[in-house]
């Protein structure tokens, strides 16, 4: 078995009770930074284990979110499991959970209950609306949060057809929650280094989603007919491109690229405010120009001068894009069905640069490390482990991989 590379969080132990996407993705990033992450699953396993795409019964989606972790199975409905998991928590630095508010309290695993015996514990709760407020206990996934925060209607406002709010197939709220949770946990670690104390983190998907819309928040307070330029696909002879002449220099460079020097002194485009007022006309001018050329010819003319522009690509196109390959963004992970690609943390730093890039993180099978973790952390004997297993602490039947 390959040894996990060291990282800035090496030595930290994290207990991850979360399922679905937000919490697990946060846990995976912390694992990528060097932490040892133990995923606690019910006997049925994380629902994401059954989500397509499946290869020989293995979900690559689950693998993307949980590579590099270890998996233990615990039946938290079994009373004998609670004292056991409390002892495990005492050995850990960070706890991540994504249950609906009130669940961990009913189990006796809430922060206030654990704090006396684990004063240094960083306890991160991720939920749809946070731990307080009238909607705190409402069930909420990314799609609900997108609708309830105004994101979908804000997106609708930028579409040509505005009859029905659009559907977003990307779990933006979950990805944001994972990002902000990772930031919050590392902020708490810095605070702990100074104070010696842990803390509770209460993260809301809905508030994270609102943080994505600064323009929409100020526009809603101060409505203006001409307050935002809406960039849109520009059709070429064989496809579409995006052109974004945001700054004054971008616009002047655009005029040069499309051989319209006259536009530089046109009163309709002389200032940012005038360009916003006449943005539909600028779109029309760009469309007329682009319709004469193939996509690549358009890009050659625009990018060579410094105009921000790109063709429209699929995600699959990025697998062979020299930009991402040169920076090593895509890396291999593996499960029992074989290897697949996942994206690394989206930054390059000295700590990460020193890591062994040949390391391939593995995706844990359900309960694969149950016996290893409980014997290592709690010093259980084989007999004690078997007795707990027979009592159903690890579910009706312990997965074969964990025997």
Protein backbone atom coordinates (compact mmCIF):
# COMPACT_ATOMS: atom_id res chain seq x y z
CA UNK A 1 0.00 0.00 0.00
CA UNK A 2 1.29 3.46 -0.89
CA UNK A 3 2.11 5.80 1.96
CA UNK A 4 0.05 8.96 1.94
CA UNK A 5 2.15 12.07 1.20
CA UNK A 6 2.65 14.56 4.00
CA UNK A 7 0.87 17.89 3.79
CA UNK A 8 0.16 20.98 5.89
CA UNK A 9 -2.58 19.10 7.81
CA UNK A 10 -0.61 15.89 8.33
CA UNK A 11 -1.16 14.43 11.78
CA UNK A 12 -4.69 15.78 12.14
CA UNK A 13 -7.45 13.22 12.58
CA UNK A 14 -10.92 13.96 11.24
CA UNK A 15 -14.14 12.06 11.85
CA UNK A 16 -16.52 12.64 8.95
CA UNK A 17 -20.17 11.74 9.63
CA UNK A 18 -21.43 13.59 6.56
CA UNK A 19 -23.07 12.10 3.48
CA UNK A 20 -24.06 13.27 0.01
CA UNK A 21 -21.77 16.04 -1.29
CA UNK A 22 -20.95 19.13 0.79
CA UNK A 23 -19.41 17.51 3.87
CA UNK A 24 -17.70 14.65 2.02
CA UNK A 25 -16.14 17.06 -0.48
CA UNK A 26 -14.82 19.18 2.40
CA UNK A 27 -13.40 16.03 4.00
CA UNK A 28 -11.72 15.03 0.76
CA UNK A 29 -10.00 18.39 0.43
CA UNK A 30 -8.76 18.15 4.01
CA UNK A 31 -7.47 14.67 3.20
CA UNK A 32 -5.69 16.08 0.15
CA UNK A 33 -4.01 18.53 2.51
CA UNK A 34 -2.64 15.64 4.55
CA UNK A 35 -5.25 14.99 7.25
CA UNK A 36 -6.32 11.46 8.14
CA UNK A 37 -10.06 11.36 7.46
CA UNK A 38 -12.25 8.58 8.82
CA UNK A 39 -15.64 8.37 7.13
CA UNK A 40 -18.36 7.07 9.45
CA UNK A 41 -21.12 5.34 7.49
CA UNK A 42 -24.37 3.64 8.36
CA UNK A 43 -24.64 -0.09 7.59
CA UNK A 44 -26.42 0.90 4.36
CA UNK A 45 -23.56 3.18 3.36
CA UNK A 46 -23.55 6.72 2.00
CA UNK A 47 -26.34 7.17 -0.56
CA UNK A 48 -23.74 8.48 -3.00
CA UNK A 49 -22.27 4.98 -3.32
CA UNK A 50 -25.23 4.16 -5.57
CA UNK A 51 -25.08 7.30 -7.74
CA UNK A 52 -24.03 6.99 -11.40
CA UNK A 53 -21.71 6.75 -13.15
CA UNK A 54 -21.22 3.19 -11.90
CA UNK A 55 -18.40 0.89 -12.99
CA UNK A 56 -18.68 -2.70 -11.77
CA UNK A 57 -20.91 -1.45 -8.97
CA UNK A 58 -18.54 1.34 -7.92
CA UNK A 59 -19.66 4.97 -8.10
CA UNK A 60 -17.01 7.27 -9.53
CA UNK A 61 -19.04 10.20 -8.13
CA UNK A 62 -18.74 8.79 -4.61
CA UNK A 63 -15.08 8.13 -5.26
CA UNK A 64 -14.45 11.70 -6.36
CA UNK A 65 -15.81 12.98 -3.04
CA UNK A 66 -14.28 10.37 -0.74
CA UNK A 67 -10.92 9.28 -2.13
CA UNK A 68 -8.10 9.12 0.39
CA UNK A 69 -10.39 8.45 3.35
CA UNK A 70 -10.91 5.39 5.50
CA UNK A 71 -14.40 3.96 6.04
CA UNK A 72 -15.91 2.55 9.20
CA UNK A 73 -19.46 1.28 9.64
CA UNK A 74 -21.40 2.15 12.77
CA UNK A 75 -25.08 1.71 13.54
CA UNK A 76 -25.69 4.90 15.51
CA UNK A 77 -29.18 3.63 16.37
CA UNK A 78 -27.57 0.90 18.45
CA UNK A 79 -27.11 2.24 22.03
CA UNK A 80 -23.79 0.40 22.36
CA UNK A 81 -22.37 2.38 19.45
CA UNK A 82 -22.62 5.78 21.14
CA UNK A 83 -20.06 5.26 23.95
CA UNK A 84 -17.76 3.73 21.37
CA UNK A 85 -18.00 6.64 18.96
CA UNK A 86 -17.51 9.13 21.81
CA UNK A 87 -14.20 7.46 22.63
CA UNK A 88 -13.28 7.68 18.96
CA UNK A 89 -14.15 11.38 18.88
CA UNK A 90 -11.85 11.97 21.85
CA UNK A 91 -8.98 10.75 19.65
CA UNK A 92 -9.81 13.17 16.83
CA UNK A 93 -9.16 16.85 16.16
CA UNK A 94 -12.08 17.67 13.87
CA UNK A 95 -15.63 16.39 13.44
CA UNK A 96 -17.73 17.04 10.34
CA UNK A 97 -21.45 16.30 10.27
CA UNK A 98 -24.24 17.10 7.87
CA UNK A 99 -27.33 15.82 9.67
CA UNK A 100 -30.46 17.89 9.98
CA UNK A 101 -30.22 20.11 13.09
CA UNK A 102 -31.21 18.17 16.21
CA UNK A 103 -30.10 14.72 15.06
CA UNK A 104 -26.66 14.77 16.70
CA UNK A 105 -28.23 16.14 19.89
CA UNK A 106 -30.68 13.23 20.02
CA UNK A 107 -27.74 10.87 19.66
CA UNK A 108 -25.85 12.60 22.46
CA UNK A 109 -23.13 13.60 20.00
CA UNK A 110 -23.77 17.34 19.80
CA UNK A 111 -21.00 19.86 20.44
CA UNK A 112 -22.17 20.96 23.89
CA UNK A 113 -22.29 17.35 25.10
CA UNK A 114 -18.85 16.55 23.70
CA UNK A 115 -17.12 19.80 24.68
CA UNK A 116 -16.28 18.90 28.33
CA UNK A 117 -14.39 15.76 27.31
CA UNK A 118 -13.10 17.23 24.01
CA UNK A 119 -12.31 20.92 24.68
CA UNK A 120 -10.03 21.14 21.65
CA UNK A 121 -12.52 19.62 19.20
CA UNK A 122 -13.38 21.60 16.06
CA UNK A 123 -16.96 20.62 15.30
CA UNK A 124 -18.26 21.57 11.85
CA UNK A 125 -21.99 21.28 11.20
CA UNK A 126 -23.14 21.70 7.60
CA UNK A 127 -26.87 22.08 6.91
CA UNK A 128 -29.25 23.70 4.48
CA UNK A 129 -30.12 26.73 6.59
CA UNK A 130 -27.80 26.53 9.57
CA UNK A 131 -28.54 25.48 13.14
CA UNK A 132 -30.91 28.36 13.93
CA UNK A 133 -33.79 30.22 12.34
CA UNK A 134 -37.32 29.19 11.32
CA UNK A 135 -36.09 27.00 8.46
CA UNK A 136 -33.26 25.32 10.38
CA UNK A 137 -34.96 21.92 10.51
CA UNK A 138 -36.29 22.01 6.95
CA UNK A 139 -34.82 19.36 4.65
CA UNK A 140 -32.72 21.09 2.01
CA UNK A 141 -30.47 19.93 -0.80
CA UNK A 142 -28.63 22.09 -3.34
CA UNK A 143 -31.63 22.31 -5.69
CA UNK A 144 -33.85 23.60 -2.85
CA UNK A 145 -31.25 26.14 -1.77
CA UNK A 146 -30.78 27.35 -5.36
CA UNK A 147 -34.52 28.03 -5.58
CA UNK A 148 -34.95 29.50 -2.10
CA UNK A 149 -32.07 31.99 -2.21
CA UNK A 150 -33.07 33.64 -5.47
CA UNK A 151 -30.22 32.07 -7.44
CA UNK A 152 -32.51 30.41 -9.98
CA UNK A 153 -34.57 33.55 -10.58
CA UNK A 154 -31.40 35.67 -10.81
CA UNK A 155 -30.16 33.23 -13.43
CA UNK A 156 -33.57 33.41 -15.12
CA UNK A 157 -33.21 37.19 -15.41
CA UNK A 158 -30.13 36.71 -17.57
CA UNK A 159 -31.82 34.30 -19.99
CA UNK A 160 -33.59 35.24 -23.24
CA UNK A 161 -36.68 33.25 -22.21
CA UNK A 162 -37.90 34.25 -18.76
CA UNK A 163 -41.17 32.31 -18.42
CA UNK A 164 -39.82 29.57 -16.15
CA UNK A 165 -36.89 29.57 -13.70
CA UNK A 166 -34.05 27.49 -15.19
CA UNK A 167 -32.79 24.27 -13.67
CA UNK A 168 -29.15 24.07 -12.64
CA UNK A 169 -27.64 20.61 -13.01
CA UNK A 170 -24.53 21.55 -11.03
CA UNK A 171 -24.65 21.33 -7.23
CA UNK A 172 -23.27 24.83 -6.73
CA UNK A 173 -24.58 25.20 -3.17
CA UNK A 174 -22.88 21.96 -2.13
CA UNK A 175 -19.56 22.93 -3.72
CA UNK A 176 -19.67 26.33 -2.04
CA UNK A 177 -20.51 24.76 1.32
CA UNK A 178 -17.55 22.42 0.96
CA UNK A 179 -15.30 25.37 0.14
CA UNK A 180 -16.48 27.53 3.02
CA UNK A 181 -16.33 24.60 5.44
CA UNK A 182 -12.72 23.98 4.47
CA UNK A 183 -11.94 27.66 5.05
CA UNK A 184 -13.83 27.73 8.37
CA UNK A 185 -12.08 24.62 9.68
CA UNK A 186 -8.64 25.97 8.86
CA UNK A 187 -9.57 29.30 10.44
CA UNK A 188 -10.61 27.38 13.56
CA UNK A 189 -7.28 25.53 13.53
CA UNK A 190 -5.43 28.86 13.52
CA UNK A 191 -7.61 30.09 16.38
CA UNK A 192 -6.93 26.88 18.31
CA UNK A 193 -3.18 27.32 17.85
CA UNK A 194 -3.52 30.62 19.73
CA UNK A 195 -6.20 29.83 22.32
CA UNK A 196 -5.87 26.07 22.67
CA UNK A 197 -9.64 25.74 22.41
CA UNK A 198 -11.82 24.15 19.78
CA UNK A 199 -15.09 25.62 18.54
CA UNK A 200 -18.38 24.97 16.82
CA UNK A 201 -18.77 25.91 13.17
CA UNK A 202 -22.35 26.40 11.97
CA UNK A 203 -22.35 26.49 8.17
CA UNK A 204 -25.43 27.22 6.06
CA UNK A 205 -25.72 26.19 2.41
CA UNK A 206 -28.25 28.98 1.88
CA UNK A 207 -25.95 31.69 3.22
CA UNK A 208 -23.11 30.30 1.15
CA UNK A 209 -25.32 30.53 -1.92
CA UNK A 210 -26.20 34.15 -1.18
CA UNK A 211 -22.49 34.93 -0.90
CA UNK A 212 -22.21 33.93 -4.56
CA UNK A 213 -24.44 36.83 -5.63
CA UNK A 214 -22.95 40.17 -4.53
CA UNK A 215 -24.11 41.92 -7.71
CA UNK A 216 -27.66 40.62 -7.33
CA UNK A 217 -27.81 41.63 -3.65
CA UNK A 218 -26.89 45.25 -4.38
CA UNK A 219 -29.06 45.36 -7.51
CA UNK A 220 -32.04 44.21 -5.44
CA UNK A 221 -31.49 47.14 -3.08
CA UNK A 222 -30.87 49.72 -5.79
CA UNK A 223 -32.62 48.63 -9.01
CA UNK A 224 -31.21 50.10 -12.20
CA UNK A 225 -32.21 49.42 -15.77
CA UNK A 226 -28.61 49.51 -17.01
CA UNK A 227 -26.58 48.13 -14.12
CA UNK A 228 -25.07 44.98 -15.59
CA UNK A 229 -23.75 43.78 -18.92
CA UNK A 230 -24.91 40.28 -19.80
CA UNK A 231 -22.30 38.33 -21.67
CA UNK A 232 -23.68 35.79 -24.09
CA UNK A 233 -22.50 33.30 -26.69
CA UNK A 234 -21.26 34.86 -29.91
CA UNK A 235 -21.88 32.66 -32.95
CA UNK A 236 -19.01 32.02 -35.36
CA UNK A 237 -19.19 30.19 -38.69
CA UNK A 238 -18.74 26.82 -36.96
CA UNK A 239 -19.52 27.26 -33.27
CA UNK A 240 -19.74 29.74 -30.42
CA UNK A 241 -17.27 31.85 -28.47
CA UNK A 242 -17.43 34.02 -25.37
CA UNK A 243 -15.98 37.53 -25.53
CA UNK A 244 -15.75 39.64 -22.36
CA UNK A 245 -14.44 43.18 -23.01
CA UNK A 246 -14.83 44.25 -19.40
CA UNK A 247 -12.22 46.98 -18.87
CA UNK A 248 -11.68 50.10 -21.00
CA UNK A 249 -8.48 48.55 -22.38
CA UNK A 250 -10.35 45.33 -23.23
CA UNK A 251 -12.83 47.36 -25.27
CA UNK A 252 -10.11 49.29 -27.10
CA UNK A 253 -8.31 46.02 -27.87
CA UNK A 254 -11.59 44.55 -29.13
CA UNK A 255 -11.98 47.47 -31.52
CA UNK A 256 -8.49 46.78 -32.87
CA UNK A 257 -9.08 43.03 -33.17
CA UNK A 258 -12.28 43.40 -35.17
CA UNK A 259 -10.82 46.27 -37.22
CA UNK A 260 -13.31 48.86 -35.98
CA UNK A 261 -11.04 51.69 -34.85
CA UNK A 262 -13.96 54.08 -35.31
CA UNK A 263 -15.69 52.61 -32.26
CA UNK A 264 -12.92 53.89 -29.98
CA UNK A 265 -14.18 57.45 -30.35
CA UNK A 266 -17.87 56.68 -30.85
CA UNK A 267 -19.85 58.64 -28.24
CA UNK A 268 -22.05 55.61 -27.60
CA UNK A 269 -19.06 53.66 -26.27
CA UNK A 270 -16.80 56.39 -24.93
CA UNK A 271 -17.16 55.46 -21.23
CA UNK A 272 -18.03 52.35 -19.20
CA UNK A 273 -21.49 53.74 -18.44
CA UNK A 274 -22.19 54.47 -22.09
CA UNK A 275 -21.04 50.98 -23.07
CA UNK A 276 -23.40 49.46 -20.50
CA UNK A 277 -26.29 51.53 -21.87
CA UNK A 278 -25.48 50.39 -25.40
CA UNK A 279 -24.39 46.86 -24.61
CA UNK A 280 -26.93 45.19 -26.96
CA UNK A 281 -25.35 47.16 -29.82
CA UNK A 282 -21.87 45.95 -28.85
CA UNK A 283 -23.18 42.38 -28.86
CA UNK A 284 -24.61 42.93 -32.34
CA UNK A 285 -21.29 44.31 -33.60
CA UNK A 286 -19.37 41.33 -32.19
CA UNK A 287 -21.88 38.89 -33.71
CA UNK A 288 -21.61 40.50 -37.12
CA UNK A 289 -17.82 40.29 -37.03
CA UNK A 290 -17.60 36.71 -35.68
CA UNK A 291 -20.04 35.38 -38.28
CA UNK A 292 -17.36 35.89 -40.93
CA UNK A 293 -14.79 33.55 -39.35
CA UNK A 294 -14.33 30.09 -37.91
CA UNK A 295 -14.03 29.80 -34.13
CA UNK A 296 -10.26 29.36 -34.08
CA UNK A 297 -9.71 32.29 -36.42
CA UNK A 298 -11.79 34.50 -34.12
CA UNK A 299 -9.82 33.40 -31.08
CA UNK A 300 -6.50 33.94 -32.83
CA UNK A 301 -7.43 37.52 -33.66
CA UNK A 302 -8.86 38.29 -30.20
CA UNK A 303 -6.47 36.56 -27.81
CA UNK A 304 -3.31 37.62 -29.64
CA UNK A 305 -4.20 41.25 -28.94
CA UNK A 306 -5.32 40.63 -25.36
CA UNK A 307 -9.11 40.47 -25.60
CA UNK A 308 -10.56 37.98 -23.07
CA UNK A 309 -12.15 35.25 -25.20
CA UNK A 310 -12.69 31.51 -25.28
CA UNK A 311 -14.46 28.86 -27.25
CA UNK A 312 -17.19 26.83 -25.55
CA UNK A 313 -15.80 23.51 -24.35
CA UNK A 314 -17.18 20.41 -22.70
CA UNK A 315 -15.74 19.17 -19.41
CA UNK A 316 -14.33 16.22 -21.34
CA UNK A 317 -12.35 18.68 -23.48
CA UNK A 318 -10.45 19.82 -20.38
CA UNK A 319 -8.93 16.34 -19.91
CA UNK A 320 -6.65 17.00 -22.87
CA UNK A 321 -6.32 20.76 -22.51
CA UNK A 322 -2.58 21.63 -22.28
CA UNK A 323 -3.36 24.31 -19.69
CA UNK A 324 -4.70 21.85 -17.13
CA UNK A 325 -2.26 19.11 -18.05
CA UNK A 326 0.77 21.34 -17.60
CA UNK A 327 -0.40 22.29 -14.10
CA UNK A 328 -1.34 18.72 -13.22
CA UNK A 329 -4.90 19.55 -12.24
CA UNK A 330 -6.28 16.11 -13.04
CA UNK A 331 -4.88 13.28 -10.97
CA UNK A 332 -5.68 9.60 -10.72
CA UNK A 333 -7.64 7.88 -7.97
CA UNK A 334 -8.66 4.24 -7.79
CA UNK A 335 -11.34 1.97 -6.41
CA UNK A 336 -12.03 -1.72 -6.89
CA UNK A 337 -13.31 -1.01 -10.42
CA UNK A 338 -10.08 0.66 -11.52
CA UNK A 339 -8.68 4.15 -11.97
CA UNK A 340 -10.45 7.42 -12.77
CA UNK A 341 -9.57 11.10 -12.85
CA UNK A 342 -10.36 13.68 -10.21
CA UNK A 343 -9.42 17.32 -9.84
CA UNK A 344 -6.87 18.31 -7.22
CA UNK A 345 -7.17 21.38 -5.02
CA UNK A 346 -7.33 24.38 -7.38
CA UNK A 347 -4.10 26.01 -6.26
CA UNK A 348 -0.40 25.31 -6.37
CA UNK A 349 1.68 25.94 -3.25
CA UNK A 350 5.07 24.94 -1.90
CA UNK A 351 3.49 22.39 0.47
CA UNK A 352 1.51 20.70 -2.28
CA UNK A 353 4.35 20.96 -4.79
CA UNK A 354 6.53 18.83 -2.52
CA UNK A 355 3.97 16.02 -2.46
CA UNK A 356 4.61 12.79 -4.33
CA UNK A 357 2.56 13.20 -7.50
CA UNK A 358 2.81 9.46 -8.21
CA UNK A 359 0.60 8.75 -5.18
CA UNK A 360 -2.82 7.44 -6.20
CA UNK A 361 -5.47 7.90 -3.48
CA UNK A 362 -7.87 5.01 -3.08
CA UNK A 363 -11.60 5.01 -2.44
CA UNK A 364 -12.59 3.00 0.63
CA UNK A 365 -15.05 0.14 0.36
CA UNK A 366 -17.94 0.31 2.81
CA UNK A 367 -16.60 -0.43 6.29
CA UNK A 368 -13.22 -1.46 4.91
CA UNK A 369 -11.29 -0.06 7.89
CA UNK A 370 -13.76 -0.67 10.73
CA UNK A 371 -11.70 -3.24 12.59
CA UNK A 372 -8.41 -1.45 11.91
CA UNK A 373 -9.67 1.89 13.23
CA UNK A 374 -11.32 0.60 16.39
CA UNK A 375 -8.43 -1.64 17.30
CA UNK A 376 -5.86 1.07 16.56
CA UNK A 377 -7.67 3.98 18.21
CA UNK A 378 -9.44 2.19 21.08
CA UNK A 379 -7.13 -0.82 21.53
CA UNK A 380 -10.00 -3.30 21.20
CA UNK A 381 -9.02 -6.94 21.30
CA UNK A 382 -10.27 -9.37 18.69
CA UNK A 383 -12.69 -10.75 21.26
CA UNK A 384 -14.05 -7.33 22.20
CA UNK A 385 -14.45 -6.39 18.56
CA UNK A 386 -16.29 -9.64 17.81
CA UNK A 387 -18.63 -9.11 20.75
CA UNK A 388 -19.51 -5.62 19.55
CA UNK A 389 -19.98 -6.94 16.04
CA UNK A 390 -22.30 -9.68 17.29
CA UNK A 391 -24.28 -7.02 19.16
CA UNK A 392 -24.92 -5.20 15.88
CA UNK A 393 -22.79 -2.14 16.64
CA UNK A 394 -21.37 -2.35 13.13
CA UNK A 395 -24.69 -3.26 11.54
CA UNK A 396 -26.48 -6.55 11.07
CA UNK A 397 -23.48 -7.93 9.22
CA UNK A 398 -20.03 -6.43 9.07
CA UNK A 399 -18.86 -5.95 5.48
CA UNK A 400 -16.53 -8.72 4.35
CA UNK A 401 -13.73 -6.21 3.67
CA UNK A 402 -13.77 -5.20 7.34
CA UNK A 403 -13.71 -8.68 8.87
